[in-house]
Amino acid sequence: MIGQRVADITRAARNFLETEPGDTPDWPSLRPRLEVYFGPLPETLPAEPASFSAVGASGARLLVRPEGPALRLLIEAEPMAAGARLKLQSELNELPRLRRALALVPCPIWQTDETQNVVWSNAAYEDACAQVDASPTGPAPFDLVAPDGSDTRRSRTALGARGEDSRYWYEVQSHRNRDGWMHFATNIDAIIRAEINQRSFLQTLTRIFAHLPIGLAVFDRDHRLVLFNPALIDLTGLQAEFLSARPNVMSVFDTLREGRMMPEPKNYKGWREHLTGLIAAASSDLYIETWELPAGLTYRITGRPHPDAGIAFLFEDISSEITLTRRFRQELDQAHSVLDSLEEAVAVFSPQGVLSFCNEAYRGLWGDDPDTCVADLSVSEATASWQDACAPSPIWGDIRDFVLSLGDRAAWEAPLLLRDGRPLLCRVSPMTGGATLLRFSHDPRMANVPG
């Protein structure tokens, strides 16, 4: 070199420095190329002889020798054994393939030294930097977690300003090596969008179910609570903090048991087996159970399979419904008792002509108990039975027509005479809803009615 410019360069040196024929670089342009191999070099060439050892290659060095007004730069290295040369040639043959592969990898890859400076990167990394107007030779634009002493760490980070819709999300795996850290970034925009949509969907469901009076608890495939509504807290007394911690199914039912919000089992082992069966049944098919609670409440528990192997449980307070049903049954029993105490034989037919009720006097009069029959007793069958037990009378067809009539109807009555000579008075009356009431009574005043 003469001054700071190359005056002559050998073919080997040109290949090593990857310069074009006829190109005569100067020292400022050669210096960064040589620093890759020999470490920091002076900004200006020394006027005295100097030697710079190669980094990571023992026995190789860069020599600077003054020769009159010029300086000669010479690279010296120890002779290479035949085996090492063959191995090096094999690796050199593979190097172009590796470079092409790294250039085509769609994932950003880069290496940093111990001071977090980027010392190497692939084309995808440069593209990622270009997306956010970052320099590929400057600090990496990825916000990675701080080292924790391990040789591998994972980071989830985004490129772009916070709050922008054009942010690019990446998951970065970092691996320590002897030269620093190697980083591999995978784009996870689709995953992030799916998570956002899932959270939005859950929030929408939560708002919808917030006004539902039925308690809702949805568990995922791992039997962890993922969704609940305020009604579940109101009905079960479970704390919101406990539910927000995503407890599993067993923990939820254990807490219900401790709070006396489910029937007290005879023994704990049997209860656990019962609970396991409950979960299994809810996981595969619809499951319904009624809980009579110590506080006097009645809950209906419904379990059903949920998508992706999850389970959904519904807690419904049916205390009012049960109380109303019991009251209705009590009143109905009382009405039956009153009708059974009457001396009149009473029969009620539905608008379809089916016997829906009869009292004890009816059973005693006609010697028939419709409750013992499997099939419903029709008005035609009933009148045929009555006709056999009575003297001839023209009213049987009238009764059948009256029961099955859909028009306006008026009450009427007619005398009958049993075959044993006892007189009867038959009263036929319309009822609300199209039903018909028939009453048969013994009337001593009709003792002289002809047969």
Protein backbone atom coordinates (compact mmCIF):
# COMPACT_ATOMS: atom_id res chain seq x y z
CA MET A 1 0.00 0.00 0.00
CA ILE A 2 1.17 3.51 -0.73
CA GLY A 3 -0.30 5.97 1.67
CA GLN A 4 -3.82 4.75 2.48
CA ARG A 5 -4.58 3.17 -0.93
CA VAL A 6 -3.77 -0.29 -2.25
CA ALA A 7 -1.15 -0.21 -4.99
CA ASP A 8 -1.09 -3.94 -5.72
CA ILE A 9 -3.09 -6.97 -4.53
CA THR A 10 -2.59 -10.67 -5.17
CA ARG A 11 -5.29 -12.96 -6.52
CA ALA A 12 -5.44 -14.85 -3.19
CA ALA A 13 -5.87 -11.59 -1.30
CA ARG A 14 -8.55 -10.44 -3.77
CA ASN A 15 -10.49 -13.69 -3.24
CA PHE A 16 -10.10 -13.42 0.51
CA LEU A 17 -11.34 -9.82 0.59
CA GLU A 18 -13.97 -10.45 -2.12
CA THR A 19 -12.94 -7.46 -4.24
CA GLU A 20 -13.62 -7.09 -7.94
CA PRO A 21 -10.73 -7.14 -10.53
CA GLY A 22 -9.39 -3.63 -11.07
CA ASP A 23 -10.74 -2.46 -7.73
CA THR A 24 -8.12 -0.64 -5.66
CA PRO A 25 -9.67 -0.14 -2.20
CA ASP A 26 -8.18 2.14 0.44
CA TRP A 27 -7.44 1.37 4.06
CA PRO A 28 -10.76 2.75 5.46
CA SER A 29 -12.68 0.30 3.22
CA LEU A 30 -10.35 -2.65 3.94
CA ARG A 31 -10.24 -2.13 7.67
CA PRO A 32 -13.83 -3.32 8.50
CA ARG A 33 -13.36 -6.41 6.30
CA LEU A 34 -10.15 -7.37 8.10
CA GLU A 35 -11.52 -6.59 11.58
CA VAL A 36 -13.92 -9.50 11.20
CA TYR A 37 -10.92 -11.82 11.41
CA PHE A 38 -8.30 -9.85 13.34
CA GLY A 39 -10.31 -7.76 15.75
CA PRO A 40 -9.92 -4.00 16.24
CA LEU A 41 -7.40 -2.41 13.85
CA PRO A 42 -5.96 1.14 13.92
CA GLU A 43 -7.71 3.84 11.94
CA THR A 44 -4.42 4.65 10.16
CA LEU A 45 -1.73 2.15 9.19
CA PRO A 46 1.32 2.15 11.47
CA ALA A 47 4.61 3.34 10.01
CA GLU A 48 6.48 0.72 12.03
CA PRO A 49 6.27 -3.08 11.65
CA ALA A 50 3.19 -4.49 13.42
CA SER A 51 1.43 -7.82 13.95
CA PHE A 52 -2.25 -8.53 14.67
CA SER A 53 -3.32 -12.02 15.76
CA ALA A 54 -6.43 -13.58 14.27
CA VAL A 55 -9.47 -13.94 16.50
CA GLY A 56 -10.26 -17.58 17.21
CA ALA A 57 -7.56 -18.95 14.91
CA SER A 58 -4.26 -19.68 16.60
CA GLY A 59 -1.17 -19.31 14.45
CA ALA A 60 -2.75 -16.87 12.00
CA ARG A 61 -1.82 -13.19 12.00
CA LEU A 62 -1.83 -10.01 9.94
CA LEU A 63 1.64 -8.53 9.40
CA VAL A 64 2.37 -4.91 8.48
CA ARG A 65 5.88 -4.43 7.04
CA PRO A 66 7.30 -1.10 5.78
CA GLU A 67 9.06 -1.40 2.41
CA GLY A 68 10.40 2.01 1.49
CA PRO A 69 7.51 4.40 0.85
CA ALA A 70 5.03 1.50 0.83
CA LEU A 71 3.56 -0.89 3.36
CA ARG A 72 3.07 -4.56 2.71
CA LEU A 73 0.11 -6.34 4.37
CA LEU A 74 0.65 -10.06 4.68
CA ILE A 75 -1.44 -12.80 6.24
CA GLU A 76 0.55 -15.69 7.67
CA ALA A 77 -0.80 -18.96 9.03
CA GLU A 78 0.56 -22.33 10.07
CA PRO A 79 0.53 -25.04 7.40
CA MET A 80 -2.71 -27.07 7.35
CA ALA A 81 -2.63 -30.87 7.55
CA ALA A 82 -4.13 -32.86 4.70
CA GLY A 83 -7.02 -34.15 6.82
CA ALA A 84 -7.88 -30.68 8.08
CA ARG A 85 -7.74 -29.33 4.54
CA LEU A 86 -10.17 -31.99 3.30
CA LYS A 87 -12.55 -31.28 6.15
CA LEU A 88 -12.34 -27.55 5.47
CA GLN A 89 -13.05 -28.11 1.78
CA SER A 90 -16.13 -30.17 2.65
CA GLU A 91 -17.39 -27.42 4.91
CA LEU A 92 -16.70 -24.80 2.26
CA ASN A 93 -18.72 -26.81 -0.23
CA GLU A 94 -21.67 -26.86 2.21
CA LEU A 95 -21.38 -23.18 3.10
CA PRO A 96 -23.20 -21.83 -0.03
CA ARG A 97 -26.16 -24.13 0.62
CA LEU A 98 -26.39 -22.96 4.23
CA ARG A 99 -26.23 -19.34 3.18
CA ARG A 100 -28.99 -19.82 0.60
CA ALA A 101 -31.12 -21.67 3.18
CA LEU A 102 -30.70 -18.90 5.77
CA ALA A 103 -31.50 -16.30 3.14
CA LEU A 104 -34.78 -18.08 2.33
CA VAL A 105 -35.87 -18.80 5.91
CA PRO A 106 -39.04 -16.69 6.48
CA CYS A 107 -38.31 -16.33 10.21
CA PRO A 108 -36.02 -13.52 11.40
CA ILE A 109 -32.74 -14.90 12.78
CA TRP A 110 -29.95 -12.82 14.28
CA GLN A 111 -27.02 -13.13 16.65
CA THR A 112 -25.95 -10.72 19.33
CA ASP A 113 -22.76 -10.54 21.34
CA GLU A 114 -22.59 -10.28 25.11
CA THR A 115 -23.23 -6.53 24.86
CA GLN A 116 -26.47 -7.14 22.88
CA ASN A 117 -25.02 -5.76 19.64
CA VAL A 118 -26.24 -7.47 16.46
CA VAL A 119 -23.25 -9.15 14.81
CA TRP A 120 -25.13 -11.20 12.19
CA SER A 121 -28.64 -11.50 10.76
CA ASN A 122 -30.53 -13.07 7.86
CA ALA A 123 -32.69 -11.42 5.20
CA ALA A 124 -35.95 -11.98 7.11
CA TYR A 125 -34.51 -10.04 10.06
CA GLU A 126 -33.69 -7.15 7.76
CA ASP A 127 -37.25 -7.26 6.40
CA ALA A 128 -38.65 -7.16 9.94
CA CYS A 129 -36.50 -4.13 10.72
CA ALA A 130 -37.70 -2.44 7.54
CA GLN A 131 -41.34 -2.90 8.63
CA VAL A 132 -40.73 -0.60 11.61
CA ASP A 133 -38.07 1.63 10.04
CA ALA A 134 -35.31 0.19 12.24
CA SER A 135 -31.71 -0.22 11.15
CA PRO A 136 -30.61 -3.87 10.78
CA THR A 137 -27.13 -2.91 11.98
CA GLY A 138 -28.38 -1.11 15.07
CA PRO A 139 -29.95 -2.46 18.26
CA ALA A 140 -32.50 -5.20 17.67
CA PRO A 141 -36.07 -3.79 17.61
CA PHE A 142 -37.38 -6.83 19.52
CA ASP A 143 -38.08 -6.25 23.21
CA LEU A 144 -36.77 -9.46 24.79
CA VAL A 145 -37.00 -10.64 28.37
CA ALA A 146 -33.92 -10.05 30.49
CA PRO A 147 -31.47 -12.96 30.87
CA ASP A 148 -32.21 -15.06 33.94
CA GLY A 149 -29.12 -17.26 33.96
CA SER A 150 -30.57 -19.99 31.77
CA ASP A 151 -29.20 -20.91 28.36
CA THR A 152 -32.61 -20.71 26.70
CA ARG A 153 -35.36 -18.16 27.09
CA ARG A 154 -38.61 -17.36 25.31
CA SER A 155 -40.10 -13.92 24.69
CA ARG A 156 -43.38 -12.70 23.21
CA THR A 157 -43.00 -9.23 21.78
CA ALA A 158 -44.45 -6.90 19.17
CA LEU A 159 -42.87 -4.62 16.58
CA GLY A 160 -44.44 -1.23 16.13
CA ALA A 161 -45.77 1.51 18.36
CA ARG A 162 -48.09 0.46 21.17
CA GLY A 163 -51.75 0.85 20.27
CA GLU A 164 -51.24 0.70 16.52
CA ASP A 165 -53.24 -1.79 14.46
CA SER A 166 -50.16 -2.51 12.33
CA ARG A 167 -48.15 -4.13 15.11
CA TYR A 168 -46.38 -7.37 14.25
CA TRP A 169 -46.27 -10.02 16.96
CA TYR A 170 -43.41 -12.48 17.32
CA GLU A 171 -42.39 -15.25 19.67
CA VAL A 172 -38.60 -15.21 20.03
CA GLN A 173 -36.53 -18.15 21.22
CA SER A 174 -33.05 -17.18 22.38
CA HIS A 175 -30.21 -19.68 22.83
CA ARG A 176 -26.87 -18.92 24.41
CA ASN A 177 -23.73 -19.96 22.52
CA ARG A 178 -20.04 -19.27 22.92
CA ASP A 179 -20.25 -16.07 20.84
CA GLY A 180 -23.29 -14.57 22.57
CA TRP A 181 -26.95 -15.26 21.81
CA MET A 182 -28.70 -16.66 18.75
CA HIS A 183 -32.31 -15.52 18.36
CA PHE A 184 -35.11 -17.11 16.30
CA ALA A 185 -38.37 -15.16 15.81
CA THR A 186 -41.67 -16.71 14.66
CA ASN A 187 -44.58 -14.53 13.58
CA ILE A 188 -47.65 -15.19 15.75
CA ASP A 189 -50.09 -12.59 14.39
CA ALA A 190 -52.70 -15.30 13.72
CA ILE A 191 -52.39 -16.62 17.27
CA ILE A 192 -52.70 -13.14 18.76
CA ARG A 193 -55.80 -12.41 16.65
CA ALA A 194 -57.35 -15.71 17.74
CA GLU A 195 -56.65 -14.90 21.40
CA ILE A 196 -58.12 -11.42 21.00
CA ASN A 197 -61.22 -12.83 19.30
CA GLN A 198 -61.57 -15.44 22.03
CA ARG A 199 -61.30 -12.81 24.77
CA SER A 200 -63.82 -10.63 22.95
CA PHE A 201 -66.17 -13.59 22.56
CA LEU A 202 -65.86 -14.47 26.25
CA GLN A 203 -66.52 -10.84 27.20
CA THR A 204 -69.61 -10.84 24.99
CA LEU A 205 -70.83 -14.07 26.57
CA THR A 206 -70.11 -12.67 30.02
CA ARG A 207 -72.21 -9.57 29.29
CA ILE A 208 -75.03 -11.74 27.94
CA PHE A 209 -74.95 -14.16 30.85
CA ALA A 210 -74.62 -11.35 33.40
CA HIS A 211 -78.41 -10.90 33.38
CA LEU A 212 -79.21 -14.61 33.33
CA PRO A 213 -80.88 -15.69 36.61
CA ILE A 214 -79.42 -19.18 36.20
CA GLY A 215 -75.89 -19.71 37.51
CA LEU A 216 -73.43 -20.72 34.80
CA ALA A 217 -70.01 -22.39 35.20
CA VAL A 218 -68.03 -23.45 32.12
CA PHE A 219 -64.91 -25.60 32.49
CA ASP A 220 -62.31 -26.25 29.77
CA ARG A 221 -60.86 -29.60 28.71
CA ASP A 222 -58.53 -29.51 31.74
CA HIS A 223 -61.58 -29.02 33.97
CA ARG A 224 -60.51 -25.46 34.82
CA LEU A 225 -63.18 -22.77 35.23
CA VAL A 226 -63.06 -20.39 32.25
CA LEU A 227 -66.44 -18.64 32.44
CA PHE A 228 -68.98 -17.84 35.15
CA ASN A 229 -71.71 -15.26 35.65
CA PRO A 230 -72.87 -13.17 38.66
CA ALA A 231 -75.87 -15.46 39.23
CA LEU A 232 -73.46 -18.29 40.12
CA ILE A 233 -72.06 -16.15 42.95
CA ASP A 234 -75.55 -15.20 44.14
CA LEU A 235 -76.87 -18.78 44.11
CA THR A 236 -73.84 -20.60 45.52
CA GLY A 237 -72.17 -18.01 47.74
CA LEU A 238 -68.81 -18.70 46.09
CA GLN A 239 -66.39 -15.78 46.23
CA ALA A 240 -65.54 -13.93 43.01
CA GLU A 241 -61.83 -14.06 43.90
CA PHE A 242 -62.01 -17.84 44.20
CA LEU A 243 -63.79 -18.23 40.87
CA SER A 244 -61.46 -15.78 39.11
CA ALA A 245 -58.49 -17.96 40.10
CA ARG A 246 -59.79 -20.62 37.66
CA PRO A 247 -60.31 -23.50 40.12
CA ASN A 248 -60.93 -27.01 38.82
CA VAL A 249 -64.26 -28.83 39.04
CA MET A 250 -63.38 -30.78 42.17
CA SER A 251 -62.31 -27.60 44.01
CA VAL A 252 -65.58 -25.87 43.11
CA PHE A 253 -67.76 -28.72 44.36
CA ASP A 254 -65.55 -29.18 47.44
CA THR A 255 -66.13 -25.53 48.30
CA LEU A 256 -69.87 -25.90 47.70
CA ARG A 257 -69.91 -28.85 50.08
CA GLU A 258 -68.00 -26.92 52.74
CA GLY A 259 -70.47 -24.05 52.39
CA ARG A 260 -73.43 -26.46 52.74
CA MET A 261 -74.62 -25.50 49.26
CA MET A 262 -75.06 -29.09 48.15
CA PRO A 263 -76.62 -32.16 49.81
CA GLU A 264 -74.48 -33.49 52.64
CA PRO A 265 -73.13 -36.92 51.67
CA LYS A 266 -73.21 -39.89 54.04
CA ASN A 267 -69.46 -40.40 53.65
CA TYR A 268 -66.74 -38.43 51.93
CA LYS A 269 -65.40 -41.32 49.83
CA GLY A 270 -68.83 -42.10 48.45
CA TRP A 271 -69.40 -38.43 47.73
CA ARG A 272 -66.15 -38.18 45.77
CA GLU A 273 -67.13 -41.21 43.71
CA HIS A 274 -70.54 -39.67 43.11
CA LEU A 275 -68.92 -36.40 42.02
CA THR A 276 -66.59 -38.24 39.66
CA GLY A 277 -69.62 -39.94 38.11
CA LEU A 278 -71.40 -36.59 37.85
CA ILE A 279 -68.48 -35.05 35.94
CA ALA A 280 -68.19 -38.08 33.67
CA ALA A 281 -71.92 -38.01 32.91
CA ALA A 282 -71.86 -34.26 32.18
CA SER A 283 -68.86 -34.74 29.89
CA SER A 284 -70.60 -37.26 27.67
CA ASP A 285 -74.31 -36.49 27.87
CA LEU A 286 -76.92 -34.28 29.46
CA TYR A 287 -76.97 -34.70 33.25
CA ILE A 288 -79.72 -33.41 35.56
CA GLU A 289 -79.81 -33.65 39.34
CA THR A 290 -81.98 -32.02 42.00
CA TRP A 291 -80.36 -30.84 45.23
CA GLU A 292 -82.41 -30.49 48.40
CA LEU A 293 -80.27 -28.07 50.41
CA PRO A 294 -80.18 -27.89 54.21
CA ALA A 295 -81.40 -24.27 54.09
CA GLY A 296 -84.67 -25.40 52.50
CA LEU A 297 -83.75 -24.38 48.96
CA THR A 298 -84.03 -26.66 45.97
CA TYR A 299 -81.57 -26.42 43.09
CA ARG A 300 -81.64 -28.11 39.71
CA ILE A 301 -78.10 -28.88 38.51
CA THR A 302 -77.73 -29.47 34.78
CA GLY A 303 -74.46 -30.62 33.26
CA ARG A 304 -73.82 -30.87 29.55
CA PRO A 305 -70.81 -31.35 27.28
CA HIS A 306 -69.08 -28.20 26.09
CA PRO A 307 -67.09 -27.82 22.84
CA ASP A 308 -63.44 -28.92 22.93
CA ALA A 309 -64.05 -31.54 25.66
CA GLY A 310 -65.23 -28.97 28.22
CA ILE A 311 -68.15 -29.12 30.66
CA ALA A 312 -70.89 -26.59 31.40
CA PHE A 313 -72.95 -26.65 34.62
CA LEU A 314 -76.19 -24.72 35.15
CA PHE A 315 -77.39 -23.95 38.70
CA GLU A 316 -81.09 -23.09 38.82
CA ASP A 317 -83.10 -22.20 41.92
CA ILE A 318 -86.39 -24.09 41.55
CA SER A 319 -87.55 -23.59 45.13
CA SER A 320 -90.58 -21.51 44.08
CA GLU A 321 -91.45 -24.01 41.37
CA ILE A 322 -91.20 -26.92 43.81
CA THR A 323 -93.24 -25.03 46.42
CA LEU A 324 -95.91 -24.19 43.84
CA THR A 325 -96.01 -27.78 42.61
CA ARG A 326 -96.32 -29.11 46.15
CA ARG A 327 -99.06 -26.59 46.93
CA PHE A 328 -100.90 -27.51 43.75
CA ARG A 329 -100.64 -31.20 44.55
CA GLN A 330 -101.86 -30.52 48.08
CA GLU A 331 -104.84 -28.55 46.81
CA LEU A 332 -105.53 -31.21 44.20
CA ASP A 333 -105.43 -33.92 46.87
CA GLN A 334 -107.79 -31.87 49.01
CA ALA A 335 -110.18 -31.46 46.08
CA HIS A 336 -110.08 -35.20 45.46
CA SER A 337 -110.75 -35.85 49.13
CA VAL A 338 -113.74 -33.51 49.07
CA LEU A 339 -115.16 -35.14 45.93
CA ASP A 340 -114.55 -38.61 47.39
CA SER A 341 -116.57 -37.61 50.45
CA LEU A 342 -119.61 -36.76 48.34
CA GLU A 343 -122.46 -39.23 48.06
CA GLU A 344 -122.95 -38.29 44.42
CA ALA A 345 -121.07 -40.31 41.83
CA VAL A 346 -118.97 -37.79 39.89
CA ALA A 347 -117.21 -38.24 36.56
CA VAL A 348 -115.34 -35.64 34.50
CA PHE A 349 -114.65 -36.09 30.78
CA SER A 350 -112.12 -34.11 28.77
CA PRO A 351 -113.08 -32.32 25.50
CA GLN A 352 -111.66 -35.37 23.69
CA GLY A 353 -114.13 -37.62 25.49
CA VAL A 354 -111.67 -39.29 27.88
CA LEU A 355 -112.49 -39.88 31.55
CA SER A 356 -110.11 -37.65 33.50
CA PHE A 357 -111.52 -38.00 37.03
CA CYS A 358 -114.01 -40.00 39.05
CA ASN A 359 -114.65 -40.24 42.80
CA GLU A 360 -115.17 -43.12 45.22
CA ALA A 361 -118.95 -42.94 44.89
CA TYR A 362 -118.58 -43.44 41.12
CA ARG A 363 -116.45 -46.54 41.62
CA GLY A 364 -118.94 -47.91 44.12
CA LEU A 365 -121.96 -47.19 41.92
CA TRP A 366 -120.65 -48.66 38.69
CA GLY A 367 -118.25 -51.23 40.14
CA ASP A 368 -115.46 -49.94 37.96
CA ASP A 369 -112.03 -48.42 38.79
CA PRO A 370 -110.59 -46.65 35.73
CA ASP A 371 -107.23 -46.18 37.53
CA THR A 372 -106.57 -49.93 37.21
CA CYS A 373 -106.89 -49.82 33.42
CA VAL A 374 -103.84 -49.29 31.25
CA ALA A 375 -105.76 -47.52 28.48
CA ASP A 376 -107.84 -44.37 28.95
CA LEU A 377 -111.59 -44.87 29.38
CA SER A 378 -113.57 -43.13 26.62
CA VAL A 379 -117.10 -41.78 26.95
CA SER A 380 -118.34 -44.44 24.55
CA GLU A 381 -116.91 -47.22 26.73
CA ALA A 382 -118.25 -45.60 29.89
CA THR A 383 -121.78 -45.13 28.57
CA ALA A 384 -121.77 -48.73 27.30
CA SER A 385 -120.92 -49.91 30.82
CA TRP A 386 -123.60 -47.70 32.36
CA GLN A 387 -126.14 -48.88 29.80
CA ASP A 388 -125.54 -52.49 30.78
CA ALA A 389 -126.22 -51.64 34.43
CA CYS A 390 -129.42 -49.65 33.80
CA ALA A 391 -132.86 -50.17 32.38
CA PRO A 392 -133.27 -49.05 28.74
CA SER A 393 -132.97 -45.27 28.33
CA PRO A 394 -132.49 -42.93 25.32
CA ILE A 395 -129.99 -40.60 27.08
CA TRP A 396 -126.75 -42.50 26.34
CA GLY A 397 -126.37 -41.16 22.84
CA ASP A 398 -127.23 -37.68 24.09
CA ILE A 399 -124.47 -37.92 26.70
CA ARG A 400 -121.89 -38.96 24.08
CA ASP A 401 -122.92 -36.13 21.76
CA PHE A 402 -122.83 -33.59 24.60
CA VAL A 403 -119.33 -34.61 25.77
CA LEU A 404 -117.87 -34.42 22.24
CA SER A 405 -119.76 -31.26 21.22
CA LEU A 406 -117.69 -28.15 20.42
CA GLY A 407 -120.57 -25.69 20.40
CA ASP A 408 -122.47 -23.88 23.14
CA ARG A 409 -123.92 -26.26 25.69
CA ALA A 410 -126.50 -26.03 28.49
CA ALA A 411 -126.85 -28.23 31.56
CA TRP A 412 -129.60 -30.84 31.61
CA GLU A 413 -130.67 -33.84 33.65
CA ALA A 414 -132.52 -37.11 33.13
CA PRO A 415 -133.80 -39.98 35.30
CA LEU A 416 -132.32 -43.49 35.19
CA LEU A 417 -133.25 -46.78 36.77
CA LEU A 418 -130.70 -49.39 37.78
CA ARG A 419 -131.52 -52.99 36.97
CA ASP A 420 -131.83 -53.69 40.72
CA GLY A 421 -134.68 -51.15 40.87
CA ARG A 422 -132.88 -48.19 42.41
CA PRO A 423 -133.65 -44.83 40.81
CA LEU A 424 -130.88 -42.43 39.72
CA LEU A 425 -130.81 -38.83 38.61
CA CYS A 426 -128.14 -38.04 35.99
CA ARG A 427 -127.05 -34.38 35.75
CA VAL A 428 -124.91 -33.32 32.79
CA SER A 429 -123.13 -29.94 33.00
CA PRO A 430 -120.55 -28.16 30.80
CA MET A 431 -117.24 -27.10 32.40
CA THR A 432 -114.61 -24.52 31.56
CA GLY A 433 -112.26 -25.54 28.78
CA GLY A 434 -114.73 -27.87 27.08
CA ALA A 435 -114.83 -30.57 29.79
CA THR A 436 -118.06 -32.20 30.94
CA LEU A 437 -119.25 -33.01 34.47
CA LEU A 438 -121.64 -35.93 35.08
CA ARG A 439 -123.27 -36.53 38.47
CA PHE A 440 -125.29 -39.59 39.42
CA SER A 441 -127.35 -39.36 42.62
CA HIS A 442 -129.93 -41.57 44.35
CA ASP A 443 -133.22 -39.71 44.60
CA PRO A 444 -135.89 -41.29 46.86
CA ARG A 445 -138.47 -39.12 45.17
CA MET A 446 -137.92 -41.11 41.99
CA ALA A 447 -138.62 -44.47 43.53
CA ASN A 448 -141.80 -44.84 41.46
CA VAL A 449 -140.20 -44.00 38.10
CA PRO A 450 -141.24 -46.80 35.67
CA GLY A 451 -138.50 -49.04 34.23
